[in-house]
Amino acid sequence: MKDVIALTPNMPDSWAVLAGLYAGGPDLEVSSGHDGAVIQLHAADGRPLVSLEAPLLVHVAGEAERLLGGDVEAPPVPYWWSEVRASTAVPEAGPLAGSVAGRLTALLGGSVWPAGAATTEVVRTAAAETATATATGDDDALTVDVLTDSTAVVLADRPVLALTAWLSAILRKVTDAGLALHIVTPAHVRLSLPLRTALAGAPNRWVVQDPECGYYDGLSGAVLHWHGGTFTPVVDEAGERSAAKAFTEHAPATERQLGVAFRVTHRPDDSLVLGRSLEAAWTALTGAAPAGWGTAEPVNLRWSTGQLTDLARDRAPEPTQLLAVGHPDRPAIATHRVTRTPDGVAEDITLTIGYGENEAPPLDAIEPLARTLVAEHGLTSMLVTLRRARRDLAVPPRFEAPPIPVSFTLGAGDVHTIGLDHARRPPVELRPVPLGPTARPALYYPLGDGTDAQAWTVLQQLSAHLQVAPAN
């Protein structure tokens, strides 16, 4: 799909949308799907041309710059984000999407990304030849660039490819259908951390175009080719795979990312407010609360633990997957999953914060944070890591060093179950710090400063020790 985005200070009302839809002249047909959230333009022969998503009101500063590049001219918040997606199967669809977006901004003000894509001209569509895009009026149908018996392929080209509502829906439908999702991008595209997490693991792939080897996997580096209706690794006569030079031949990053992954659990209570543990961690490590939250990217809502809790309650007993972002001067993003458990409610949170070459991650704040989460938020466990990677948190299609453990915290409940004497005497040179009440403490295990990969071995030995019940 080719995307064009209109960023407008005023809401696209029905008249503005109607003007945009006339970008292809009066001969095109219009349909809607997903309860009216998507409007689609079709050629007279039924070919899908352009889809216009329901506009999103963005209250969070910096989201357009984070996802579309620093040179985007976004209006002051709040502004409306309207995505127009063009089919790659029809040459005129791209200019048509630019005309739809250009007409919206001509009436409502604002700007269009990419710069220069906006027009207000009528774009005529030629007679049908051969189309590869697949779409129907069925809300459950896949709208992708190529669809085979095993794989759905989406072509994308953005500065940062994010976990948008549309892409999240595609991923869900592909998974339900037992297919693989392969996203094909040029080499300059990066992924957002939420999308990188969503794509991790077979059968899904990030396929990167490369002039030297053709294609490679943007997360593993494996050289790929199109075979049997899917992208699969190239193997030599010995059955060995190779890595693309574009993936491996880069200097190590000098910027760093601090990762904080933790779980808190709560007893069921009508007065329970979710998100407070994430807010506490964010404040302890950055000096401010999250800037915004949402269910997809761009993250569009101002931070509110009350609204977050209401959404999770409305979706219960199904789990709720949420995202949070920080202020533009301190890149930070978190995934937040809320689930029901036999004992109550669990929040699984992964917070990642970016630091420049000359910025020191606040490692001295980790133990006090663990103490706070134990005392006030029902901490079950927390793993803190540090890695060399981009400050802006975007994932490039090249090798990045794995994270290195900094500390591990085990909550009081698990320490009690394992046995305090056993848990505080691991078979390695670690001196755990007790947190909380003396009679029933949690344990904080310092593992290093994030520079020695040997910390992984120590963590593995610690984990093995904690999983073995002591002899009676």
Protein backbone atom coordinates (compact mmCIF):
# COMPACT_ATOMS: atom_id res chain seq x y z
CA MET A 1 0.00 0.00 0.00
CA LYS A 2 1.12 3.58 -0.66
CA ASP A 3 0.18 5.87 2.20
CA VAL A 4 -0.62 9.57 2.18
CA ILE A 5 -1.52 11.29 5.45
CA ALA A 6 -3.42 14.55 5.96
CA LEU A 7 -2.71 16.41 9.23
CA THR A 8 -5.42 19.02 9.73
CA PRO A 9 -6.26 21.41 12.59
CA ASN A 10 -9.97 21.04 11.84
CA MET A 11 -12.07 17.88 11.84
CA PRO A 12 -12.76 16.35 8.42
CA ASP A 13 -16.54 16.68 8.34
CA SER A 14 -18.82 14.97 5.83
CA TRP A 15 -18.50 17.79 3.29
CA ALA A 16 -14.70 17.73 3.36
CA VAL A 17 -14.67 13.94 3.03
CA LEU A 18 -17.12 14.16 0.12
CA ALA A 19 -14.88 16.68 -1.62
CA GLY A 20 -11.92 14.35 -1.13
CA LEU A 21 -13.78 11.39 -2.53
CA TYR A 22 -14.50 13.31 -5.74
CA ALA A 23 -10.76 13.35 -6.45
CA GLY A 24 -11.32 10.55 -8.93
CA GLY A 25 -14.32 12.13 -10.60
CA PRO A 26 -17.97 11.05 -10.44
CA ASP A 27 -17.43 7.63 -12.06
CA LEU A 28 -15.81 5.96 -9.05
CA GLU A 29 -17.85 3.89 -6.63
CA VAL A 30 -17.79 4.32 -2.85
CA SER A 31 -18.23 1.68 -0.18
CA SER A 32 -17.70 1.59 3.56
CA GLY A 33 -16.63 -1.07 6.01
CA HIS A 34 -15.72 -1.73 9.62
CA ASP A 35 -18.89 -0.01 10.83
CA GLY A 36 -18.17 3.05 8.70
CA ALA A 37 -14.57 3.47 9.96
CA VAL A 38 -13.15 2.95 6.46
CA ILE A 39 -14.38 4.46 3.20
CA GLN A 40 -13.10 2.90 0.00
CA LEU A 41 -13.04 4.16 -3.56
CA HIS A 42 -13.42 1.57 -6.32
CA ALA A 43 -13.04 1.77 -10.07
CA ALA A 44 -16.15 1.12 -12.11
CA ASP A 45 -15.01 -2.50 -12.57
CA GLY A 46 -14.78 -2.99 -8.78
CA ARG A 47 -11.00 -2.70 -8.35
CA PRO A 48 -10.06 -1.16 -4.99
CA LEU A 49 -8.19 2.10 -5.43
CA VAL A 50 -8.03 4.14 -2.23
CA SER A 51 -9.12 3.64 1.39
CA LEU A 52 -9.74 6.56 3.73
CA GLU A 53 -9.51 5.72 7.43
CA ALA A 54 -11.67 7.41 10.04
CA PRO A 55 -9.81 10.53 11.21
CA LEU A 56 -7.92 10.25 14.51
CA LEU A 57 -7.72 13.20 16.91
CA VAL A 58 -4.13 13.34 18.20
CA HIS A 59 -3.57 15.05 21.56
CA VAL A 60 0.06 13.92 22.01
CA ALA A 61 2.85 16.23 20.84
CA GLY A 62 5.67 14.65 18.87
CA GLU A 63 3.83 11.68 17.40
CA ALA A 64 3.87 12.97 13.81
CA GLU A 65 7.59 13.73 14.08
CA ARG A 66 8.33 10.33 15.66
CA LEU A 67 6.55 8.37 12.94
CA LEU A 68 6.83 10.57 9.85
CA GLY A 69 10.20 12.27 10.31
CA GLY A 70 11.44 15.49 11.86
CA ASP A 71 10.67 17.61 8.78
CA VAL A 72 6.92 16.93 8.85
CA GLU A 73 4.83 20.09 9.36
CA ALA A 74 2.28 18.97 11.92
CA PRO A 75 -0.27 21.46 13.29
CA PRO A 76 -0.22 22.16 17.03
CA VAL A 77 -2.01 19.54 19.10
CA PRO A 78 -4.76 18.59 19.00
CA TYR A 79 -4.93 17.87 15.28
CA TRP A 80 -6.64 15.32 13.05
CA TRP A 81 -4.67 12.49 11.46
CA SER A 82 -6.36 11.09 8.32
CA GLU A 83 -4.71 8.15 6.53
CA VAL A 84 -5.32 7.56 2.84
CA ARG A 85 -4.02 4.24 1.53
CA ALA A 86 -3.56 3.61 -2.17
CA SER A 87 -3.48 0.19 -3.80
CA THR A 88 -0.12 -0.63 -5.41
CA ALA A 89 -1.94 -2.65 -8.08
CA VAL A 90 -3.25 0.43 -9.89
CA PRO A 91 -0.75 3.10 -11.05
CA GLU A 92 -3.26 5.93 -10.67
CA ALA A 93 -4.08 5.02 -7.07
CA GLY A 94 -1.06 6.84 -5.62
CA PRO A 95 -1.86 10.20 -7.25
CA LEU A 96 -5.52 9.64 -6.35
CA ALA A 97 -4.59 9.26 -2.68
CA GLY A 98 -2.57 12.48 -2.93
CA SER A 99 -5.56 14.28 -4.39
CA VAL A 100 -7.90 12.99 -1.64
CA ALA A 101 -5.47 14.22 1.05
CA GLY A 102 -4.77 17.46 -0.79
CA ARG A 103 -8.45 18.31 -1.00
CA LEU A 104 -8.83 17.70 2.74
CA THR A 105 -6.02 20.12 3.59
CA ALA A 106 -7.23 22.65 1.01
CA LEU A 107 -10.52 22.85 2.90
CA LEU A 108 -9.31 22.29 6.47
CA GLY A 109 -5.76 23.64 6.55
CA GLY A 110 -2.75 21.68 7.74
CA SER A 111 -0.25 19.65 5.76
CA VAL A 112 0.17 16.42 3.85
CA TRP A 113 2.81 13.74 4.25
CA PRO A 114 4.82 13.01 2.22
CA ALA A 115 5.62 16.58 1.28
CA GLY A 116 4.67 17.29 -2.31
CA ALA A 117 2.12 14.47 -2.55
CA ALA A 118 -0.88 16.79 -2.21
CA THR A 119 -2.84 17.91 -5.28
CA THR A 120 -6.42 18.88 -5.92
CA GLU A 121 -6.56 17.55 -9.47
CA VAL A 122 -9.07 14.97 -10.68
CA VAL A 123 -7.23 11.67 -11.26
CA ARG A 124 -8.80 9.46 -13.91
CA THR A 125 -8.39 5.69 -13.73
CA ALA A 126 -7.46 3.66 -16.79
CA ALA A 127 -9.22 0.47 -17.83
CA ALA A 128 -8.42 -2.66 -15.82
CA GLU A 129 -5.48 -4.84 -16.68
CA THR A 130 -4.13 -7.23 -14.04
CA ALA A 131 -4.57 -6.51 -10.35
CA THR A 132 -2.74 -8.19 -7.47
CA ALA A 133 -4.36 -6.39 -4.55
CA THR A 134 -7.17 -8.22 -2.83
CA ALA A 135 -10.22 -6.57 -1.30
CA THR A 136 -13.93 -7.14 -1.00
CA GLY A 137 -16.80 -5.48 0.71
CA ASP A 138 -16.48 -8.03 3.51
CA ASP A 139 -15.15 -6.45 6.71
CA ASP A 140 -13.27 -9.69 7.48
CA ALA A 141 -11.53 -9.80 4.10
CA LEU A 142 -7.82 -9.07 3.85
CA THR A 143 -6.78 -5.93 2.00
CA VAL A 144 -3.16 -6.59 1.11
CA ASP A 145 -0.85 -6.23 -1.87
CA VAL A 146 -0.28 -9.94 -2.51
CA LEU A 147 -2.19 -12.89 -1.06
CA THR A 148 -1.16 -16.53 -1.49
CA ASP A 149 -2.25 -19.74 0.19
CA SER A 150 0.34 -19.22 2.93
CA THR A 151 1.27 -15.54 3.04
CA ALA A 152 -0.20 -12.06 3.04
CA VAL A 153 2.25 -9.46 1.72
CA VAL A 154 2.04 -5.75 2.47
CA LEU A 155 4.28 -3.23 0.71
CA ALA A 156 5.09 -0.17 2.84
CA ASP A 157 7.30 2.89 2.67
CA ARG A 158 7.35 5.24 5.67
CA PRO A 159 10.19 6.67 7.75
CA VAL A 160 8.93 4.58 10.69
CA LEU A 161 6.48 1.77 10.07
CA ALA A 162 4.29 1.61 13.16
CA LEU A 163 1.64 -0.61 14.69
CA THR A 164 -1.26 1.38 13.28
CA ALA A 165 -4.86 0.35 13.82
CA TRP A 166 -5.02 -0.87 10.22
CA LEU A 167 -1.83 -2.93 10.42
CA SER A 168 -2.86 -4.34 13.79
CA ALA A 169 -6.16 -5.47 12.24
CA ILE A 170 -4.32 -7.03 9.29
CA LEU A 171 -2.01 -8.91 11.66
CA ARG A 172 -4.97 -10.19 13.67
CA LYS A 173 -6.84 -11.38 10.56
CA VAL A 174 -3.72 -13.03 9.13
CA THR A 175 -3.13 -14.87 12.39
CA ASP A 176 -6.75 -16.01 12.58
CA ALA A 177 -6.50 -17.29 9.00
CA GLY A 178 -3.33 -19.27 9.76
CA LEU A 179 -1.24 -17.19 7.35
CA ALA A 180 2.10 -15.42 7.58
CA LEU A 181 2.35 -11.63 7.32
CA HIS A 182 5.36 -10.41 5.34
CA ILE A 183 5.89 -6.65 5.29
CA VAL A 184 8.18 -5.52 2.45
CA THR A 185 9.95 -2.16 2.75
CA PRO A 186 12.88 -0.25 1.27
CA ALA A 187 16.10 -0.27 3.31
CA HIS A 188 15.59 3.23 4.76
CA VAL A 189 12.41 2.22 6.62
CA ARG A 190 12.57 1.51 10.35
CA LEU A 191 10.05 -0.20 12.60
CA SER A 192 8.54 1.12 15.80
CA LEU A 193 9.23 -1.01 18.86
CA PRO A 194 5.56 -2.11 19.18
CA LEU A 195 5.51 -3.35 15.58
CA ARG A 196 8.88 -5.04 15.99
CA THR A 197 7.47 -6.90 19.00
CA ALA A 198 4.29 -7.84 17.11
CA LEU A 199 6.28 -9.24 14.16
CA ALA A 200 8.77 -11.20 16.25
CA GLY A 201 8.84 -14.90 15.53
CA ALA A 202 7.80 -17.13 12.65
CA PRO A 203 5.93 -17.10 10.38
CA ASN A 204 5.83 -13.30 10.17
CA ARG A 205 8.70 -11.38 8.59
CA TRP A 206 10.04 -7.92 7.89
CA VAL A 207 11.38 -8.21 4.33
CA VAL A 208 13.88 -5.53 3.33
CA GLN A 209 14.70 -4.76 -0.29
CA ASP A 210 18.44 -4.76 -1.02
CA PRO A 211 20.18 -4.03 -4.36
CA GLU A 212 22.95 -6.55 -3.62
CA CYS A 213 21.11 -9.66 -2.44
CA GLY A 214 17.53 -8.87 -3.43
CA TYR A 215 15.80 -9.28 -0.08
CA TYR A 216 16.76 -10.01 3.52
CA ASP A 217 15.03 -10.36 6.86
CA GLY A 218 15.25 -7.03 8.66
CA LEU A 219 15.29 -8.68 12.11
CA SER A 220 17.61 -11.65 11.54
CA GLY A 221 19.62 -10.60 8.47
CA ALA A 222 18.90 -13.85 6.58
CA VAL A 223 18.99 -13.46 2.79
CA LEU A 224 15.52 -14.21 1.40
CA HIS A 225 13.91 -15.06 -1.91
CA TRP A 226 10.34 -15.46 -3.12
CA HIS A 227 9.67 -19.18 -3.39
CA GLY A 228 6.46 -21.16 -3.31
CA GLY A 229 4.28 -18.13 -2.64
CA THR A 230 6.26 -16.82 0.34
CA PHE A 231 9.58 -15.25 1.33
CA THR A 232 11.95 -17.92 2.60
CA PRO A 233 15.68 -18.00 3.48
CA VAL A 234 18.17 -18.78 0.73
CA VAL A 235 20.28 -21.86 1.53
CA ASP A 236 23.46 -23.07 -0.17
CA GLU A 237 24.28 -26.62 -1.23
CA ALA A 238 25.25 -27.46 2.35
CA GLY A 239 21.89 -26.22 3.62
CA GLU A 240 23.47 -23.17 5.26
CA ARG A 241 21.89 -19.72 5.36
CA SER A 242 23.76 -16.47 4.81
CA ALA A 243 23.33 -12.98 6.24
CA ALA A 244 23.07 -9.86 4.10
CA LYS A 245 26.08 -7.54 4.22
CA ALA A 246 23.72 -4.59 4.62
CA PHE A 247 22.56 -6.15 7.89
CA THR A 248 25.96 -6.91 9.40
CA GLU A 249 28.34 -4.23 8.11
CA HIS A 250 27.59 -1.33 10.42
CA ALA A 251 29.49 0.27 13.26
CA PRO A 252 28.07 -0.48 16.71
CA ALA A 253 25.60 2.08 18.01
CA THR A 254 26.88 4.63 20.51
CA GLU A 255 23.41 5.49 21.81
CA ARG A 256 21.66 3.31 24.37
CA GLN A 257 18.28 2.00 25.42
CA LEU A 258 17.22 1.16 28.96
CA GLY A 259 14.63 -1.62 29.13
CA VAL A 260 12.40 -2.21 32.15
CA ALA A 261 10.10 -5.24 31.94
CA PHE A 262 7.93 -5.96 34.95
CA ARG A 263 4.70 -7.52 36.13
CA VAL A 264 2.43 -6.27 38.90
CA THR A 265 -0.62 -8.13 40.19
CA HIS A 266 -3.69 -6.84 41.99
CA ARG A 267 -6.54 -8.38 43.87
CA PRO A 268 -9.91 -7.76 42.18
CA ASP A 269 -11.31 -4.52 43.52
CA ASP A 270 -13.93 -2.13 42.15
CA SER A 271 -11.68 0.78 43.13
CA LEU A 272 -8.61 -0.58 41.30
CA VAL A 273 -6.92 1.97 39.00
CA LEU A 274 -4.59 0.52 36.38
CA GLY A 275 -1.49 2.16 34.94
CA ARG A 276 -0.21 3.60 38.20
CA SER A 277 2.79 1.26 38.29
CA LEU A 278 3.75 2.33 34.76
CA GLU A 279 3.36 5.97 35.76
CA ALA A 280 5.55 5.40 38.82
CA ALA A 281 8.28 3.77 36.73
CA TRP A 282 8.12 6.44 34.05
CA THR A 283 8.33 9.24 36.61
CA ALA A 284 11.18 7.61 38.52
CA LEU A 285 13.29 7.17 35.39
CA THR A 286 12.43 10.27 33.34
CA GLY A 287 11.14 12.82 35.86
CA ALA A 288 7.69 13.02 34.27
CA ALA A 289 4.61 10.89 33.72
CA PRO A 290 3.85 9.41 30.27
CA ALA A 291 2.63 11.95 27.73
CA GLY A 292 -0.01 9.79 26.10
CA TRP A 293 -1.60 6.40 25.69
CA GLY A 294 -3.67 4.53 23.15
CA THR A 295 -4.36 1.16 21.54
CA ALA A 296 -2.33 1.76 18.36
CA GLU A 297 0.12 4.19 16.75
CA PRO A 298 0.05 7.12 16.51
CA VAL A 299 -0.64 7.26 20.24
CA ASN A 300 -3.37 9.85 20.40
CA LEU A 301 -4.77 10.27 23.94
CA ARG A 302 -3.39 12.33 26.80
CA TRP A 303 -2.14 10.15 29.65
CA SER A 304 -4.99 9.15 31.96
CA THR A 305 -4.98 6.18 34.30
CA GLY A 306 -8.74 6.59 34.73
CA GLN A 307 -9.52 6.31 31.01
CA LEU A 308 -7.07 3.45 30.65
CA THR A 309 -8.81 1.58 33.48
CA ASP A 310 -12.25 2.20 31.98
CA LEU A 311 -11.16 0.69 28.65
CA ALA A 312 -9.69 -2.40 30.32
CA ARG A 313 -12.89 -2.89 32.33
CA ASP A 314 -15.03 -2.56 29.22
CA ARG A 315 -12.97 -5.24 27.46
CA ALA A 316 -12.77 -7.64 30.41
CA PRO A 317 -12.52 -10.58 30.64
CA GLU A 318 -10.62 -10.32 27.36
CA PRO A 319 -7.05 -8.96 27.69
CA THR A 320 -6.29 -5.36 26.76
CA GLN A 321 -3.11 -4.37 24.90
CA LEU A 322 -2.13 -0.71 25.27
CA LEU A 323 0.73 1.62 24.33
CA ALA A 324 2.18 4.66 26.05
CA VAL A 325 4.69 7.26 24.87
CA GLY A 326 6.77 9.95 26.51
CA HIS A 327 7.53 13.58 25.80
CA PRO A 328 9.59 14.34 22.66
CA ASP A 329 12.69 15.46 24.63
CA ARG A 330 13.02 12.02 26.25
CA PRO A 331 12.13 9.19 23.84
CA ALA A 332 10.24 6.49 25.71
CA ILE A 333 7.60 3.96 24.77
CA ALA A 334 5.86 1.15 26.63
CA THR A 335 3.63 -1.78 25.89
CA HIS A 336 1.08 -2.49 28.59
CA ARG A 337 -0.99 -5.68 28.69
CA VAL A 338 -3.82 -6.13 31.17
CA THR A 339 -5.09 -9.67 31.82
CA ARG A 340 -7.38 -11.43 34.23
CA THR A 341 -5.70 -14.09 36.38
CA PRO A 342 -7.14 -16.65 38.81
CA ASP A 343 -6.14 -14.32 41.66
CA GLY A 344 -7.10 -10.96 40.19
CA VAL A 345 -5.62 -8.64 37.56
CA ALA A 346 -2.09 -8.58 36.12
CA GLU A 347 -0.30 -5.77 34.30
CA ASP A 348 2.65 -6.79 32.13
CA ILE A 349 4.70 -3.76 31.15
CA THR A 350 7.78 -3.24 29.01
CA LEU A 351 9.15 0.30 29.14
CA THR A 352 12.03 1.35 26.86
CA ILE A 353 13.82 4.69 27.20
CA GLY A 354 16.41 6.14 24.80
CA TYR A 355 19.65 7.91 25.68
CA GLY A 356 22.22 9.74 23.57
CA GLU A 357 25.94 9.05 23.48
CA ASN A 358 26.61 11.61 26.21
CA GLU A 359 23.54 10.86 28.32
CA ALA A 360 23.82 8.54 31.33
CA PRO A 361 20.93 6.13 31.94
CA PRO A 362 19.72 6.50 35.56
CA LEU A 363 20.92 3.13 36.83
CA ASP A 364 21.02 4.45 40.39
CA ALA A 365 17.23 4.91 40.22
CA ILE A 366 16.51 1.22 39.53
CA GLU A 367 16.72 -0.12 43.10
CA PRO A 368 14.54 2.70 44.53
CA LEU A 369 12.04 2.03 41.74
CA ALA A 370 11.97 -1.66 42.62
CA ARG A 371 11.39 -0.72 46.25
CA THR A 372 8.46 1.51 45.27
CA LEU A 373 6.88 -1.12 43.04
CA VAL A 374 7.17 -3.72 45.80
CA ALA A 375 5.74 -1.46 48.50
CA GLU A 376 2.93 0.18 46.54
CA HIS A 377 2.08 -1.76 43.39
CA GLY A 378 2.31 -5.51 44.01
CA LEU A 379 5.47 -6.23 42.00
CA THR A 380 5.80 -9.86 40.90
CA SER A 381 9.08 -9.56 39.00
CA MET A 382 11.21 -7.01 37.14
CA LEU A 383 14.12 -7.37 34.72
CA VAL A 384 16.15 -4.29 33.79
CA THR A 385 18.51 -4.33 30.79
CA LEU A 386 20.74 -1.94 28.87
CA ARG A 387 21.70 -2.16 25.21
CA ARG A 388 23.48 -0.18 22.51
CA ALA A 389 20.75 0.97 20.15
CA ARG A 390 19.13 4.09 18.74
CA ARG A 391 18.05 6.86 21.08
CA ASP A 392 14.87 7.44 19.07
CA LEU A 393 13.88 3.79 19.74
CA ALA A 394 13.22 3.04 16.06
CA VAL A 395 14.39 -0.39 14.85
CA PRO A 396 16.71 -0.27 11.80
CA PRO A 397 17.11 -3.22 9.38
CA ARG A 398 20.58 -4.08 10.67
CA PHE A 399 22.21 -5.93 13.52
CA GLU A 400 21.88 -4.37 16.96
CA ALA A 401 23.59 -5.71 20.05
CA PRO A 402 21.34 -7.68 22.40
CA PRO A 403 20.45 -6.18 25.78
CA ILE A 404 22.57 -6.94 28.84
CA PRO A 405 20.94 -7.51 32.25
CA VAL A 406 21.36 -4.85 34.92
CA SER A 407 19.17 -6.25 37.69
CA PHE A 408 16.41 -8.70 38.51
CA THR A 409 13.79 -8.31 41.22
CA LEU A 410 11.66 -11.15 42.55
CA GLY A 411 8.43 -10.20 44.30
CA ALA A 412 7.61 -11.13 47.88
CA GLY A 413 5.03 -13.76 46.91
CA ASP A 414 7.46 -15.80 44.83
CA VAL A 415 10.25 -15.36 47.38
CA HIS A 416 7.89 -16.77 50.02
CA THR A 417 6.92 -19.70 47.78
CA ILE A 418 10.53 -20.54 46.95
CA GLY A 419 11.72 -19.99 50.50
CA LEU A 420 13.61 -16.93 51.69
CA ASP A 421 16.75 -18.80 52.71
CA HIS A 422 16.97 -20.53 49.33
CA ALA A 423 16.16 -17.40 47.30
CA ARG A 424 18.77 -15.23 49.02
CA ARG A 425 21.61 -17.75 48.57
CA PRO A 426 22.06 -18.24 44.80
CA PRO A 427 25.08 -20.30 43.60
CA VAL A 428 26.77 -17.17 42.22
CA GLU A 429 28.41 -14.16 43.77
CA LEU A 430 25.26 -12.14 44.21
CA ARG A 431 24.12 -10.32 47.30
CA PRO A 432 20.39 -9.77 46.94
CA VAL A 433 18.94 -6.72 48.65
CA PRO A 434 15.75 -7.33 50.65
CA LEU A 435 12.89 -4.96 49.83
CA GLY A 436 9.81 -4.50 51.95
CA PRO A 437 8.85 -6.12 55.29
CA THR A 438 11.59 -8.13 56.96
CA ALA A 439 9.28 -11.10 57.53
CA ARG A 440 8.15 -11.27 53.88
CA PRO A 441 10.58 -9.35 51.66
CA ALA A 442 11.07 -9.16 47.92
CA LEU A 443 14.66 -9.59 46.70
CA TYR A 444 16.59 -7.28 44.38
CA TYR A 445 19.51 -8.94 42.58
CA PRO A 446 22.07 -6.47 41.09
CA LEU A 447 23.69 -7.98 37.97
CA GLY A 448 25.98 -5.22 36.67
CA ASP A 449 26.05 -1.95 34.79
CA GLY A 450 24.90 -3.27 31.43
CA THR A 451 28.34 -3.51 29.86
CA ASP A 452 29.37 -7.13 30.54
CA ALA A 453 27.52 -9.82 28.59
CA GLN A 454 28.57 -12.32 31.27
CA ALA A 455 25.59 -10.99 33.22
CA TRP A 456 23.39 -13.24 31.07
CA THR A 457 25.19 -16.30 32.39
CA VAL A 458 24.75 -15.08 35.95
CA LEU A 459 21.04 -14.44 35.32
CA GLN A 460 20.59 -17.92 33.85
CA GLN A 461 22.25 -19.49 36.88
CA LEU A 462 20.08 -17.40 39.18
CA SER A 463 16.91 -18.37 37.29
CA ALA A 464 17.81 -22.05 37.43
CA HIS A 465 18.43 -21.77 41.17
CA LEU A 466 15.09 -20.03 41.78
CA GLN A 467 13.19 -22.66 39.79
CA VAL A 468 14.51 -25.55 41.90
CA ALA A 469 12.65 -26.10 45.16
CA PRO A 470 14.93 -26.51 48.17
CA ALA A 471 15.23 -29.93 49.75
CA ASN A 472 13.23 -30.45 52.93
